[in-house]
């Protein structure tokens, strides 16, 4: 079953701040990784401990995608990308601000 991918307004702003090559790589990874089985843990995807940002994280190089999955019976389930961050060493910056997850 394929999932529809939606972006929150905040995530759209975060993506717009990225460089063109980062944006291309990120959007390709989102389409490839989150369209099918976004809740299955892999090397690049994992569920997060309870936090105010999102339920899951996707790692794309130095970029981090934080998303929730809304499962519905019909017609389709949705992956909502809530935020996109940049990891610098042991810190993650979302929208230019450091966040603790």
N, C-alpha and C. Protein backbone atom coordinates (compact mmCIF):
# COMPACT_ATOMS: atom_id res chain seq x y z
N UNK A 1 0.84 -1.17 0.00
CA UNK A 1 0.00 0.00 0.00
C UNK A 1 0.89 1.25 0.00
N UNK A 2 0.66 2.14 -0.92
CA UNK A 2 1.44 3.37 -1.02
C UNK A 2 0.85 4.45 -0.12
N UNK A 3 1.71 5.22 0.48
CA UNK A 3 1.32 6.31 1.36
C UNK A 3 1.43 7.63 0.59
N UNK A 4 0.49 8.51 0.84
CA UNK A 4 0.57 9.86 0.27
C UNK A 4 1.48 10.67 1.18
N UNK A 5 2.30 11.54 0.62
CA UNK A 5 3.23 12.35 1.40
C UNK A 5 2.77 13.80 1.37
N UNK A 6 2.51 14.36 2.55
CA UNK A 6 2.13 15.76 2.70
C UNK A 6 3.23 16.47 3.49
N UNK A 7 3.38 17.76 3.24
CA UNK A 7 4.36 18.58 3.94
C UNK A 7 3.64 19.64 4.74
N UNK A 8 4.03 19.82 6.00
CA UNK A 8 3.47 20.90 6.80
C UNK A 8 4.03 22.23 6.28
N UNK A 9 3.37 23.35 6.56
CA UNK A 9 3.91 24.65 6.13
C UNK A 9 5.31 24.91 6.69
N UNK A 10 5.57 24.45 7.92
CA UNK A 10 6.89 24.63 8.52
C UNK A 10 7.94 23.83 7.75
N UNK A 11 7.60 22.60 7.37
CA UNK A 11 8.54 21.77 6.61
C UNK A 11 8.82 22.40 5.24
N UNK A 12 7.81 22.97 4.61
CA UNK A 12 8.02 23.67 3.33
C UNK A 12 9.03 24.80 3.50
N UNK A 13 8.93 25.54 4.59
CA UNK A 13 9.88 26.63 4.86
C UNK A 13 11.29 26.08 5.08
N UNK A 14 11.40 24.98 5.82
CA UNK A 14 12.70 24.39 6.09
C UNK A 14 13.34 23.91 4.78
N UNK A 15 12.55 23.29 3.92
CA UNK A 15 13.07 22.78 2.64
C UNK A 15 13.49 23.94 1.74
N UNK A 16 12.74 25.02 1.76
CA UNK A 16 13.08 26.18 0.93
C UNK A 16 14.42 26.80 1.32
N UNK A 17 14.84 26.64 2.57
CA UNK A 17 16.12 27.20 3.05
C UNK A 17 17.32 26.37 2.61
N UNK A 18 17.10 25.16 2.12
CA UNK A 18 18.21 24.28 1.73
C UNK A 18 18.80 24.70 0.39
N UNK A 19 20.02 24.28 0.15
CA UNK A 19 20.64 24.48 -1.16
C UNK A 19 19.97 23.56 -2.16
N UNK A 20 20.10 23.86 -3.44
CA UNK A 20 19.41 23.11 -4.50
C UNK A 20 19.79 21.62 -4.48
N UNK A 21 21.08 21.30 -4.34
CA UNK A 21 21.46 19.88 -4.35
C UNK A 21 20.97 19.16 -3.10
N UNK A 22 20.92 19.85 -1.96
CA UNK A 22 20.39 19.25 -0.74
C UNK A 22 18.90 18.98 -0.90
N UNK A 23 18.19 19.94 -1.46
CA UNK A 23 16.74 19.82 -1.66
C UNK A 23 16.42 18.65 -2.58
N UNK A 24 17.17 18.52 -3.69
CA UNK A 24 16.95 17.43 -4.64
C UNK A 24 17.19 16.08 -3.98
N UNK A 25 18.32 15.95 -3.28
CA UNK A 25 18.64 14.69 -2.60
C UNK A 25 17.59 14.35 -1.54
N UNK A 26 17.14 15.37 -0.81
CA UNK A 26 16.15 15.17 0.24
C UNK A 26 14.81 14.70 -0.33
N UNK A 27 14.32 15.38 -1.34
CA UNK A 27 13.01 15.03 -1.91
C UNK A 27 13.04 13.65 -2.57
N UNK A 28 14.17 13.29 -3.20
CA UNK A 28 14.30 11.94 -3.76
C UNK A 28 14.24 10.88 -2.66
N UNK A 29 14.95 11.13 -1.56
CA UNK A 29 14.97 10.17 -0.45
C UNK A 29 13.60 10.05 0.21
N UNK A 30 12.90 11.16 0.35
CA UNK A 30 11.56 11.12 0.93
C UNK A 30 10.63 10.27 0.07
N UNK A 31 10.67 10.49 -1.23
CA UNK A 31 9.81 9.72 -2.13
C UNK A 31 10.18 8.24 -2.10
N UNK A 32 11.47 7.94 -2.09
CA UNK A 32 11.92 6.54 -2.11
C UNK A 32 11.68 5.83 -0.79
N UNK A 33 11.93 6.50 0.34
CA UNK A 33 11.89 5.85 1.64
C UNK A 33 10.52 5.85 2.31
N UNK A 34 9.70 6.89 2.06
CA UNK A 34 8.47 7.03 2.83
C UNK A 34 7.20 6.68 2.08
N UNK A 35 7.29 6.36 0.80
CA UNK A 35 6.09 6.01 0.05
C UNK A 35 5.58 4.63 0.46
N UNK A 36 6.47 3.71 0.72
CA UNK A 36 6.09 2.35 1.11
C UNK A 36 6.71 2.01 2.46
N UNK A 37 5.92 1.54 3.37
CA UNK A 37 6.35 1.08 4.69
C UNK A 37 7.17 2.13 5.46
N UNK A 38 6.63 3.32 5.70
CA UNK A 38 7.38 4.36 6.40
C UNK A 38 7.60 4.08 7.89
N UNK A 39 6.90 3.09 8.44
CA UNK A 39 7.03 2.79 9.86
C UNK A 39 8.02 1.67 10.15
N UNK A 40 8.54 1.03 9.11
CA UNK A 40 9.50 -0.05 9.28
C UNK A 40 10.87 0.54 9.56
N UNK A 41 11.50 0.08 10.64
CA UNK A 41 12.82 0.60 11.02
C UNK A 41 13.89 0.06 10.09
N UNK A 42 14.74 0.94 9.58
CA UNK A 42 15.87 0.58 8.71
C UNK A 42 17.11 1.31 9.19
N UNK A 43 18.18 1.27 8.40
CA UNK A 43 19.39 2.01 8.75
C UNK A 43 19.14 3.51 8.76
N UNK A 44 18.22 3.96 7.93
CA UNK A 44 17.98 5.39 7.78
C UNK A 44 16.69 5.89 8.45
N UNK A 45 15.79 4.99 8.82
CA UNK A 45 14.53 5.37 9.46
C UNK A 45 14.45 4.74 10.83
N UNK A 46 13.88 5.52 11.77
CA UNK A 46 13.67 4.92 13.09
C UNK A 46 12.56 5.67 13.82
N UNK A 47 11.85 4.97 14.70
CA UNK A 47 10.88 5.65 15.55
C UNK A 47 11.62 6.42 16.64
N UNK A 48 11.05 7.53 17.04
CA UNK A 48 11.66 8.36 18.07
C UNK A 48 10.95 8.17 19.40
N UNK A 49 11.65 8.48 20.47
CA UNK A 49 11.00 8.52 21.77
C UNK A 49 9.96 9.63 21.74
N UNK A 50 8.96 9.59 22.62
CA UNK A 50 7.95 10.66 22.62
C UNK A 50 8.60 12.04 22.71
N UNK A 51 8.20 12.92 21.79
CA UNK A 51 8.72 14.28 21.74
C UNK A 51 7.69 15.17 21.05
N UNK A 52 7.84 16.49 21.14
CA UNK A 52 6.84 17.39 20.56
C UNK A 52 6.96 17.57 19.05
N UNK A 53 8.00 17.01 18.42
CA UNK A 53 8.21 17.25 17.00
C UNK A 53 7.51 16.20 16.13
N UNK A 54 7.90 14.93 16.27
CA UNK A 54 7.35 13.90 15.39
C UNK A 54 7.55 12.51 15.97
N UNK A 55 6.92 11.52 15.30
CA UNK A 55 7.02 10.13 15.74
C UNK A 55 8.23 9.41 15.16
N UNK A 56 8.67 9.79 13.94
CA UNK A 56 9.72 9.08 13.24
C UNK A 56 10.76 10.04 12.69
N UNK A 57 11.97 9.48 12.37
CA UNK A 57 13.04 10.26 11.78
C UNK A 57 13.63 9.52 10.60
N UNK A 58 13.88 10.25 9.52
CA UNK A 58 14.57 9.72 8.35
C UNK A 58 15.89 10.46 8.23
N UNK A 59 16.99 9.73 8.07
CA UNK A 59 18.32 10.33 7.94
C UNK A 59 18.71 10.32 6.47
N UNK A 60 19.08 11.50 5.96
CA UNK A 60 19.55 11.66 4.58
C UNK A 60 20.85 12.45 4.65
N UNK A 61 21.97 11.75 4.82
CA UNK A 61 23.25 12.43 4.99
C UNK A 61 23.22 13.27 6.26
N UNK A 62 23.52 14.56 6.14
CA UNK A 62 23.48 15.46 7.30
C UNK A 62 22.09 16.00 7.58
N UNK A 63 21.13 15.68 6.72
CA UNK A 63 19.76 16.16 6.89
C UNK A 63 18.92 15.15 7.67
N UNK A 64 17.95 15.67 8.41
CA UNK A 64 17.02 14.83 9.17
C UNK A 64 15.60 15.25 8.83
N UNK A 65 14.76 14.26 8.54
CA UNK A 65 13.35 14.51 8.22
C UNK A 65 12.54 13.93 9.37
N UNK A 66 11.71 14.74 9.98
CA UNK A 66 10.87 14.31 11.09
C UNK A 66 9.43 14.23 10.59
N UNK A 67 8.80 13.05 10.78
CA UNK A 67 7.49 12.84 10.20
C UNK A 67 6.59 12.02 11.09
N UNK A 68 5.28 12.15 10.84
CA UNK A 68 4.25 11.35 11.49
C UNK A 68 3.55 10.53 10.43
N UNK A 69 2.98 9.40 10.85
CA UNK A 69 2.22 8.56 9.94
C UNK A 69 0.78 8.51 10.44
N UNK A 70 -0.14 8.85 9.56
CA UNK A 70 -1.57 8.80 9.89
C UNK A 70 -2.19 7.67 9.08
N UNK A 71 -2.45 6.57 9.76
CA UNK A 71 -3.02 5.42 9.08
C UNK A 71 -4.53 5.53 9.07
N UNK A 72 -5.09 5.32 7.89
CA UNK A 72 -6.54 5.38 7.74
C UNK A 72 -6.98 4.15 6.96
N UNK A 73 -8.22 3.78 7.17
CA UNK A 73 -8.76 2.62 6.46
C UNK A 73 -8.91 2.91 4.97
N UNK A 74 -9.54 4.01 4.66
CA UNK A 74 -9.78 4.32 3.25
C UNK A 74 -9.79 5.82 3.07
N UNK A 75 -9.44 6.36 2.00
CA UNK A 75 -8.89 5.71 0.83
C UNK A 75 -7.38 5.48 0.91
N UNK A 76 -6.66 6.31 1.69
CA UNK A 76 -5.22 6.11 1.77
C UNK A 76 -4.65 6.63 3.08
N UNK A 77 -3.48 6.11 3.42
CA UNK A 77 -2.77 6.59 4.60
C UNK A 77 -1.83 7.71 4.18
N UNK A 78 -1.45 8.53 5.17
CA UNK A 78 -0.68 9.74 4.86
C UNK A 78 0.56 9.82 5.74
N UNK A 79 1.67 10.21 5.13
CA UNK A 79 2.88 10.55 5.86
C UNK A 79 2.94 12.08 5.86
N UNK A 80 3.01 12.67 7.05
CA UNK A 80 3.07 14.13 7.17
C UNK A 80 4.48 14.51 7.62
N UNK A 81 5.21 15.17 6.73
CA UNK A 81 6.55 15.65 7.06
C UNK A 81 6.38 16.92 7.89
N UNK A 82 6.83 16.87 9.13
CA UNK A 82 6.62 17.98 10.07
C UNK A 82 7.78 18.97 10.10
N UNK A 83 9.02 18.46 9.93
CA UNK A 83 10.19 19.33 10.03
C UNK A 83 11.36 18.70 9.30
N UNK A 84 12.28 19.57 8.87
CA UNK A 84 13.53 19.13 8.26
C UNK A 84 14.65 19.85 8.99
N UNK A 85 15.63 19.08 9.45
CA UNK A 85 16.73 19.66 10.19
C UNK A 85 18.07 19.32 9.59
N UNK A 86 19.09 20.01 10.05
CA UNK A 86 20.46 19.76 9.64
C UNK A 86 21.25 19.36 10.88
N UNK A 87 21.94 18.23 10.78
CA UNK A 87 22.73 17.75 11.91
C UNK A 87 24.16 18.22 11.75
N UNK A 88 24.65 18.88 12.79
CA UNK A 88 26.04 19.34 12.85
C UNK A 88 26.62 18.74 14.12
N UNK A 89 27.51 17.78 13.94
CA UNK A 89 28.08 17.02 15.05
C UNK A 89 26.97 16.39 15.87
N UNK A 90 26.80 16.77 17.13
CA UNK A 90 25.76 16.15 17.95
C UNK A 90 24.57 17.08 18.17
N UNK A 91 24.41 18.07 17.32
CA UNK A 91 23.29 19.02 17.45
C UNK A 91 22.45 19.01 16.18
N UNK A 92 21.15 19.20 16.35
CA UNK A 92 20.25 19.28 15.20
C UNK A 92 19.62 20.66 15.18
N UNK A 93 19.67 21.29 14.02
CA UNK A 93 19.10 22.62 13.84
C UNK A 93 17.90 22.53 12.90
N UNK A 94 16.75 22.96 13.38
CA UNK A 94 15.52 22.98 12.60
C UNK A 94 15.08 24.43 12.47
N UNK A 95 14.99 24.91 11.25
CA UNK A 95 14.60 26.29 11.04
C UNK A 95 15.59 27.27 11.63
N UNK A 96 16.87 26.90 11.67
CA UNK A 96 17.90 27.78 12.20
C UNK A 96 18.04 27.75 13.72
N UNK A 97 17.20 26.98 14.40
CA UNK A 97 17.25 26.91 15.87
C UNK A 97 17.60 25.48 16.30
N UNK A 98 18.40 25.39 17.34
CA UNK A 98 18.76 24.07 17.87
C UNK A 98 17.56 23.45 18.57
N UNK A 99 17.33 22.15 18.31
CA UNK A 99 16.23 21.44 18.98
C UNK A 99 16.81 20.23 19.71
N UNK A 100 16.19 19.87 20.79
CA UNK A 100 16.54 18.70 21.57
C UNK A 100 15.48 17.63 21.35
N UNK A 101 15.91 16.48 20.87
CA UNK A 101 14.96 15.38 20.64
C UNK A 101 15.29 14.20 21.51
